[in-house]
Amino acid sequence: GLVQAGGSLRLSCAASGSIFTTAVMGWYRQAPG
């Protein structure tokens, strides 16, 4: 979402399937350009 500088957000990622407990889970980001 949109937040002002200094604010907070919490991202969630729900996974289906049976791999979750053994997987390395990560968050990546990509800014324009």
PDB file of all heavy atoms in Angstrom:
ATOM      1  N   GLY A   1       0.815  -1.204   0.000  1.00  0.00           N
ATOM      2  CA  GLY A   1       0.000   0.000   0.000  1.00  0.00           C
ATOM      3  C   GLY A   1       0.843   1.246   0.000  1.00  0.00           C
ATOM      4  O   GLY A   1       2.050   1.207  -0.263  1.00  0.00           O
ATOM      5  N   LEU A   2       0.183   2.359   0.284  1.00  0.00           N
ATOM      6  CA  LEU A   2       0.833   3.672   0.328  1.00  0.00           C
ATOM      7  C   LEU A   2       0.991   4.088   1.776  1.00  0.00           C
ATOM      8  O   LEU A   2       0.029   4.021   2.557  1.00  0.00           O
ATOM      9  CB  LEU A   2      -0.025   4.686  -0.425  1.00  0.00           C
ATOM     10  CG  LEU A   2       0.400   6.153  -0.350  1.00  0.00           C
ATOM     11  CD1 LEU A   2       1.757   6.353  -1.005  1.00  0.00           C
ATOM     12  CD2 LEU A   2      -0.654   7.038  -1.023  1.00  0.00           C
ATOM     13  N   VAL A   3       2.184   4.524   2.131  1.00  0.00           N
ATOM     14  CA  VAL A   3       2.464   4.929   3.502  1.00  0.00           C
ATOM     15  C   VAL A   3       3.427   6.108   3.480  1.00  0.00           C
ATOM     16  O   VAL A   3       4.226   6.242   2.537  1.00  0.00           O
ATOM     17  CB  VAL A   3       3.044   3.740   4.314  1.00  0.00           C
ATOM     18  CG1 VAL A   3       4.393   3.309   3.773  1.00  0.00           C
ATOM     19  CG2 VAL A   3       3.109   4.057   5.797  1.00  0.00           C
ATOM     20  N   GLN A   4       3.339   6.944   4.487  1.00  0.00           N
ATOM     21  CA  GLN A   4       4.275   8.062   4.590  1.00  0.00           C
ATOM     22  C   GLN A   4       5.619   7.588   5.128  1.00  0.00           C
ATOM     23  O   GLN A   4       5.700   6.572   5.840  1.00  0.00           O
ATOM     24  CB  GLN A   4       3.709   9.139   5.506  1.00  0.00           C
ATOM     25  CG  GLN A   4       2.550   9.919   4.891  1.00  0.00           C
ATOM     26  CD  GLN A   4       2.155  11.118   5.735  1.00  0.00           C
ATOM     27  OE1 GLN A   4       2.309  11.110   6.952  1.00  0.00           O
ATOM     28  NE2 GLN A   4       1.644  12.156   5.086  1.00  0.00           N
ATOM     29  N   ALA A   5       6.652   8.320   4.801  1.00  0.00           N
ATOM     30  CA  ALA A   5       7.979   8.010   5.334  1.00  0.00           C
ATOM     31  C   ALA A   5       7.927   7.939   6.858  1.00  0.00           C
ATOM     32  O   ALA A   5       7.280   8.770   7.500  1.00  0.00           O
ATOM     33  CB  ALA A   5       8.988   9.054   4.885  1.00  0.00           C
ATOM     34  N   GLY A   6       8.592   6.920   7.399  1.00  0.00           N
ATOM     35  CA  GLY A   6       8.571   6.704   8.836  1.00  0.00           C
ATOM     36  C   GLY A   6       7.492   5.737   9.290  1.00  0.00           C
ATOM     37  O   GLY A   6       7.486   5.305  10.445  1.00  0.00           O
ATOM     38  N   GLY A   7       6.579   5.418   8.386  1.00  0.00           N
ATOM     39  CA  GLY A   7       5.484   4.531   8.718  1.00  0.00           C
ATOM     40  C   GLY A   7       5.863   3.064   8.616  1.00  0.00           C
ATOM     41  O   GLY A   7       7.021   2.708   8.366  1.00  0.00           O
ATOM     42  N   SER A   8       4.860   2.212   8.809  1.00  0.00           N
ATOM     43  CA  SER A   8       5.073   0.764   8.809  1.00  0.00           C
ATOM     44  C   SER A   8       4.052   0.056   7.930  1.00  0.00           C
ATOM     45  O   SER A   8       2.934   0.547   7.741  1.00  0.00           O
ATOM     46  CB  SER A   8       4.933   0.225  10.235  1.00  0.00           C
ATOM     47  OG  SER A   8       5.907   0.761  11.103  1.00  0.00           O
ATOM     48  N   LEU A   9       4.473  -1.073   7.401  1.00  0.00           N
ATOM     49  CA  LEU A   9       3.586  -1.985   6.687  1.00  0.00           C
ATOM     50  C   LEU A   9       4.002  -3.407   7.032  1.00  0.00           C
ATOM     51  O   LEU A   9       5.179  -3.666   7.326  1.00  0.00           O
ATOM     52  CB  LEU A   9       3.681  -1.794   5.174  1.00  0.00           C
ATOM     53  CG  LEU A   9       2.991  -0.585   4.546  1.00  0.00           C
ATOM     54  CD1 LEU A   9       3.349  -0.501   3.060  1.00  0.00           C
ATOM     55  CD2 LEU A   9       1.479  -0.660   4.715  1.00  0.00           C
ATOM     56  N   ARG A  10       3.035  -4.312   6.934  1.00  0.00           N
ATOM     57  CA  ARG A  10       3.337  -5.730   7.124  1.00  0.00           C
ATOM     58  C   ARG A  10       2.862  -6.486   5.910  1.00  0.00           C
ATOM     59  O   ARG A  10       1.670  -6.479   5.584  1.00  0.00           O
ATOM     60  CB  ARG A  10       2.634  -6.262   8.369  1.00  0.00           C
ATOM     61  CG  ARG A  10       3.025  -7.682   8.746  1.00  0.00           C
ATOM     62  CD  ARG A  10       2.069  -8.246   9.751  1.00  0.00           C
ATOM     63  NE  ARG A  10       2.572  -9.426  10.421  1.00  0.00           N
ATOM     64  CZ  ARG A  10       1.780 -10.347  10.974  1.00  0.00           C
ATOM     65  NH1 ARG A  10       0.471 -10.207  10.942  1.00  0.00           N
ATOM     66  NH2 ARG A  10       2.307 -11.396  11.576  1.00  0.00           N
ATOM     67  N   LEU A  11       3.792  -7.133   5.226  1.00  0.00           N
ATOM     68  CA  LEU A  11       3.464  -7.962   4.071  1.00  0.00           C
ATOM     69  C   LEU A  11       3.284  -9.405   4.522  1.00  0.00           C
ATOM     70  O   LEU A  11       3.983  -9.880   5.417  1.00  0.00           O
ATOM     71  CB  LEU A  11       4.576  -7.893   3.029  1.00  0.00           C
ATOM     72  CG  LEU A  11       4.966  -6.502   2.530  1.00  0.00           C
ATOM     73  CD1 LEU A  11       6.034  -6.633   1.425  1.00  0.00           C
ATOM     74  CD2 LEU A  11       3.774  -5.738   2.027  1.00  0.00           C
ATOM     75  N   SER A  12       2.355 -10.081   3.869  1.00  0.00           N
ATOM     76  CA  SER A  12       2.121 -11.501   4.122  1.00  0.00           C
ATOM     77  C   SER A  12       2.204 -12.267   2.810  1.00  0.00           C
ATOM     78  O   SER A  12       1.849 -11.739   1.754  1.00  0.00           O
ATOM     79  CB  SER A  12       0.727 -11.723   4.741  1.00  0.00           C
ATOM     80  OG  SER A  12       0.599 -11.059   5.971  1.00  0.00           O
ATOM     81  N   CYS A  13       2.641 -13.509   2.897  1.00  0.00           N
ATOM     82  CA  CYS A  13       2.691 -14.380   1.719  1.00  0.00           C
ATOM     83  C   CYS A  13       2.204 -15.754   2.141  1.00  0.00           C
ATOM     84  O   CYS A  13       2.851 -16.431   2.950  1.00  0.00           O
ATOM     85  CB  CYS A  13       4.108 -14.453   1.178  1.00  0.00           C
ATOM     86  SG  CYS A  13       4.338 -15.689  -0.108  1.00  0.00           S
ATOM     87  N   ALA A  14       1.055 -16.129   1.606  1.00  0.00           N
ATOM     88  CA  ALA A  14       0.480 -17.434   1.918  1.00  0.00           C
ATOM     89  C   ALA A  14       0.846 -18.413   0.813  1.00  0.00           C
ATOM     90  O   ALA A  14       0.671 -18.119  -0.381  1.00  0.00           O
ATOM     91  CB  ALA A  14      -1.036 -17.313   2.036  1.00  0.00           C
ATOM     92  N   ALA A  15       1.344 -19.569   1.211  1.00  0.00           N
ATOM     93  CA  ALA A  15       1.797 -20.577   0.255  1.00  0.00           C
ATOM     94  C   ALA A  15       0.885 -21.791   0.273  1.00  0.00           C
ATOM     95  O   ALA A  15       0.505 -22.269   1.338  1.00  0.00           O
ATOM     96  CB  ALA A  15       3.224 -20.998   0.588  1.00  0.00           C
ATOM     97  N   SER A  16       0.535 -22.247  -0.915  1.00  0.00           N
ATOM     98  CA  SER A  16      -0.191 -23.501  -1.025  1.00  0.00           C
ATOM     99  C   SER A  16       0.816 -24.615  -1.285  1.00  0.00           C
ATOM    100  O   SER A  16       1.977 -24.353  -1.577  1.00  0.00           O
ATOM    101  CB  SER A  16      -1.201 -23.434  -2.170  1.00  0.00           C
ATOM    102  OG  SER A  16      -0.517 -23.312  -3.400  1.00  0.00           O
ATOM    103  N   GLY A  17       0.389 -25.847  -1.208  1.00  0.00           N
ATOM    104  CA  GLY A  17       1.297 -26.942  -1.476  1.00  0.00           C
ATOM    105  C   GLY A  17       2.030 -27.408  -0.238  1.00  0.00           C
ATOM    106  O   GLY A  17       1.862 -26.849   0.844  1.00  0.00           O
ATOM    107  N   SER A  18       2.884 -28.390  -0.408  1.00  0.00           N
ATOM    108  CA  SER A  18       3.500 -29.050   0.740  1.00  0.00           C
ATOM    109  C   SER A  18       4.961 -28.672   0.957  1.00  0.00           C
ATOM    110  O   SER A  18       5.635 -29.269   1.783  1.00  0.00           O
ATOM    111  CB  SER A  18       3.397 -30.564   0.558  1.00  0.00           C
ATOM    112  OG  SER A  18       4.064 -30.930  -0.634  1.00  0.00           O
ATOM    113  N   ILE A  19       5.451 -27.664   0.234  1.00  0.00           N
ATOM    114  CA  ILE A  19       6.881 -27.390   0.291  1.00  0.00           C
ATOM    115  C   ILE A  19       7.272 -26.424   1.391  1.00  0.00           C
ATOM    116  O   ILE A  19       8.438 -26.270   1.710  1.00  0.00           O
ATOM    117  CB  ILE A  19       7.374 -26.781  -1.040  1.00  0.00           C
ATOM    118  CG1 ILE A  19       6.779 -25.375  -1.229  1.00  0.00           C
ATOM    119  CG2 ILE A  19       7.046 -27.698  -2.205  1.00  0.00           C
ATOM    120  CD1 ILE A  19       7.505 -24.545  -2.242  1.00  0.00           C
ATOM    121  N   PHE A  20       6.289 -25.768   1.978  1.00  0.00           N
ATOM    122  CA  PHE A  20       6.596 -24.585   2.781  1.00  0.00           C
ATOM    123  C   PHE A  20       7.596 -24.864   3.886  1.00  0.00           C
ATOM    124  O   PHE A  20       8.546 -24.112   4.080  1.00  0.00           O
ATOM    125  CB  PHE A  20       5.306 -23.993   3.371  1.00  0.00           C
ATOM    126  CG  PHE A  20       5.526 -22.702   4.101  1.00  0.00           C
ATOM    127  CD1 PHE A  20       5.579 -21.500   3.407  1.00  0.00           C
ATOM    128  CD2 PHE A  20       5.701 -22.676   5.480  1.00  0.00           C
ATOM    129  CE1 PHE A  20       5.800 -20.305   4.077  1.00  0.00           C
ATOM    130  CE2 PHE A  20       5.918 -21.486   6.152  1.00  0.00           C
ATOM    131  CZ  PHE A  20       5.973 -20.296   5.448  1.00  0.00           C
ATOM    132  N   THR A  21       7.409 -25.922   4.629  1.00  0.00           N
ATOM    133  CA  THR A  21       8.238 -26.130   5.820  1.00  0.00           C
ATOM    134  C   THR A  21       9.704 -26.383   5.477  1.00  0.00           C
ATOM    135  O   THR A  21      10.581 -26.138   6.300  1.00  0.00           O
ATOM    136  CB  THR A  21       7.705 -27.296   6.668  1.00  0.00           C
ATOM    137  OG1 THR A  21       7.597 -28.447   5.842  1.00  0.00           O
ATOM    138  CG2 THR A  21       6.345 -26.965   7.263  1.00  0.00           C
ATOM    139  N   THR A  22       9.994 -26.829   4.281  1.00  0.00           N
ATOM    140  CA  THR A  22      11.389 -27.092   3.901  1.00  0.00           C
ATOM    141  C   THR A  22      11.987 -26.016   3.010  1.00  0.00           C
ATOM    142  O   THR A  22      13.193 -26.004   2.765  1.00  0.00           O
ATOM    143  CB  THR A  22      11.510 -28.440   3.181  1.00  0.00           C
ATOM    144  OG1 THR A  22      10.683 -28.413   2.009  1.00  0.00           O
ATOM    145  CG2 THR A  22      11.065 -29.579   4.080  1.00  0.00           C
ATOM    146  N   ALA A  23      11.161 -25.091   2.531  1.00  0.00           N
ATOM    147  CA  ALA A  23      11.632 -24.078   1.589  1.00  0.00           C
ATOM    148  C   ALA A  23      12.341 -22.932   2.295  1.00  0.00           C
ATOM    149  O   ALA A  23      12.021 -22.587   3.436  1.00  0.00           O
ATOM    150  CB  ALA A  23      10.460 -23.526   0.792  1.00  0.00           C
ATOM    151  N   VAL A  24      13.288 -22.333   1.594  1.00  0.00           N
ATOM    152  CA  VAL A  24      13.832 -21.047   1.996  1.00  0.00           C
ATOM    153  C   VAL A  24      12.865 -20.001   1.463  1.00  0.00           C
ATOM    154  O   VAL A  24      12.641 -19.923   0.254  1.00  0.00           O
ATOM    155  CB  VAL A  24      15.236 -20.815   1.423  1.00  0.00           C
ATOM    156  CG1 VAL A  24      15.746 -19.436   1.850  1.00  0.00           C
ATOM    157  CG2 VAL A  24      16.180 -21.910   1.870  1.00  0.00           C
ATOM    158  N   MET A  25      12.293 -19.220   2.345  1.00  0.00           N
ATOM    159  CA  MET A  25      11.315 -18.211   1.954  1.00  0.00           C
ATOM    160  C   MET A  25      11.974 -16.842   1.945  1.00  0.00           C
ATOM    161  O   MET A  25      12.698 -16.491   2.871  1.00  0.00           O
ATOM    162  CB  MET A  25      10.124 -18.202   2.918  1.00  0.00           C
ATOM    163  CG  MET A  25       9.370 -19.523   2.984  1.00  0.00           C
ATOM    164  SD  MET A  25       8.688 -20.029   1.392  1.00  0.00           S
ATOM    165  CE  MET A  25       7.570 -18.663   1.046  1.00  0.00           C
ATOM    166  N   GLY A  26      11.691 -16.085   0.911  1.00  0.00           N
ATOM    167  CA  GLY A  26      12.335 -14.782   0.799  1.00  0.00           C
ATOM    168  C   GLY A  26      11.403 -13.709   0.296  1.00  0.00           C
ATOM    169  O   GLY A  26      10.359 -13.997  -0.299  1.00  0.00           O
ATOM    170  N   TRP A  27      11.781 -12.484   0.562  1.00  0.00           N
ATOM    171  CA  TRP A  27      11.127 -11.301  -0.001  1.00  0.00           C
ATOM    172  C   TRP A  27      12.145 -10.574  -0.871  1.00  0.00           C
ATOM    173  O   TRP A  27      13.263 -10.298  -0.427  1.00  0.00           O
ATOM    174  CB  TRP A  27      10.621 -10.373   1.091  1.00  0.00           C
ATOM    175  CG  TRP A  27       9.409 -10.875   1.800  1.00  0.00           C
ATOM    176  CD1 TRP A  27       9.374 -11.546   2.988  1.00  0.00           C
ATOM    177  CD2 TRP A  27       8.059 -10.759   1.354  1.00  0.00           C
ATOM    178  NE1 TRP A  27       8.075 -11.853   3.319  1.00  0.00           N
ATOM    179  CE2 TRP A  27       7.244 -11.370   2.329  1.00  0.00           C
ATOM    180  CE3 TRP A  27       7.439 -10.182   0.251  1.00  0.00           C
ATOM    181  CZ2 TRP A  27       5.859 -11.444   2.219  1.00  0.00           C
ATOM    182  CZ3 TRP A  27       6.061 -10.246   0.136  1.00  0.00           C
ATOM    183  CH2 TRP A  27       5.282 -10.867   1.107  1.00  0.00           C
ATOM    184  N   TYR A  28      11.750 -10.299  -2.104  1.00  0.00           N
ATOM    185  CA  TYR A  28      12.548  -9.537  -3.040  1.00  0.00           C
ATOM    186  C   TYR A  28      11.773  -8.268  -3.393  1.00  0.00           C
ATOM    187  O   TYR A  28      10.559  -8.194  -3.182  1.00  0.00           O
ATOM    188  CB  TYR A  28      12.791 -10.338  -4.323  1.00  0.00           C
ATOM    189  CG  TYR A  28      13.744 -11.498  -4.170  1.00  0.00           C
ATOM    190  CD1 TYR A  28      13.385 -12.639  -3.449  1.00  0.00           C
ATOM    191  CD2 TYR A  28      15.004 -11.469  -4.761  1.00  0.00           C
ATOM    192  CE1 TYR A  28      14.254 -13.710  -3.305  1.00  0.00           C
ATOM    193  CE2 TYR A  28      15.887 -12.536  -4.636  1.00  0.00           C
ATOM    194  CZ  TYR A  28      15.501 -13.649  -3.905  1.00  0.00           C
ATOM    195  OH  TYR A  28      16.375 -14.700  -3.780  1.00  0.00           O
ATOM    196  N   ARG A  29      12.472  -7.308  -3.961  1.00  0.00           N
ATOM    197  CA  ARG A  29      11.772  -6.118  -4.446  1.00  0.00           C
ATOM    198  C   ARG A  29      12.398  -5.640  -5.746  1.00  0.00           C
ATOM    199  O   ARG A  29      13.576  -5.881  -6.011  1.00  0.00           O
ATOM    200  CB  ARG A  29      11.791  -5.002  -3.401  1.00  0.00           C
ATOM    201  CG  ARG A  29      13.151  -4.387  -3.120  1.00  0.00           C
ATOM    202  CD  ARG A  29      13.061  -3.417  -1.950  1.00  0.00           C
ATOM    203  NE  ARG A  29      14.344  -2.776  -1.659  1.00  0.00           N
ATOM    204  CZ  ARG A  29      14.590  -2.035  -0.579  1.00  0.00           C
ATOM    205  NH1 ARG A  29      13.629  -1.844   0.331  1.00  0.00           N
ATOM    206  NH2 ARG A  29      15.761  -1.497  -0.410  1.00  0.00           N
ATOM    207  N   GLN A  30      11.577  -4.950  -6.511  1.00  0.00           N
ATOM    208  CA  GLN A  30      12.048  -4.392  -7.777  1.00  0.00           C
ATOM    209  C   GLN A  30      11.462  -3.002  -7.947  1.00  0.00           C
ATOM    210  O   GLN A  30      10.235  -2.853  -8.040  1.00  0.00           O
ATOM    211  CB  GLN A  30      11.656  -5.290  -8.951  1.00  0.00           C
ATOM    212  CG  GLN A  30      12.278  -4.854 -10.256  1.00  0.00           C
ATOM    213  CD  GLN A  30      12.140  -5.914 -11.335  1.00  0.00           C
ATOM    214  OE1 GLN A  30      11.321  -6.813 -11.254  1.00  0.00           O
ATOM    215  NE2 GLN A  30      12.981  -5.806 -12.359  1.00  0.00           N
ATOM    216  N   ALA A  31      12.339  -2.018  -7.974  1.00  0.00           N
ATOM    217  CA  ALA A  31      11.933  -0.642  -8.216  1.00  0.00           C
ATOM    218  C   ALA A  31      11.994  -0.370  -9.719  1.00  0.00           C
ATOM    219  O   ALA A  31      12.709  -1.064 -10.457  1.00  0.00           O
ATOM    220  CB  ALA A  31      12.851   0.310  -7.462  1.00  0.00           C
ATOM    221  N   PRO A  32      11.266   0.633 -10.210  1.00  0.00           N
ATOM    222  CA  PRO A  32      11.273   0.937 -11.642  1.00  0.00           C
ATOM    223  C   PRO A  32      12.684   1.174 -12.155  1.00  0.00           C
ATOM    224  O   PRO A  32      13.454   1.937 -11.571  1.00  0.00           O
ATOM    225  CB  PRO A  32      10.427   2.209 -11.728  1.00  0.00           C
ATOM    226  CG  PRO A  32       9.527   2.138 -10.558  1.00  0.00           C
ATOM    227  CD  PRO A  32      10.324   1.483  -9.468  1.00  0.00           C
ATOM    228  N   GLY A  33      13.031   0.499 -13.241  1.00  0.00           N
ATOM    229  CA  GLY A  33      14.333   0.682 -13.856  1.00  0.00           C
ATOM    230  C   GLY A  33      15.473  -0.007 -13.136  1.00  0.00           C
ATOM    231  O   GLY A  33      16.641   0.166 -13.517  1.00  0.00           O
TER     232      GLY A  33
END
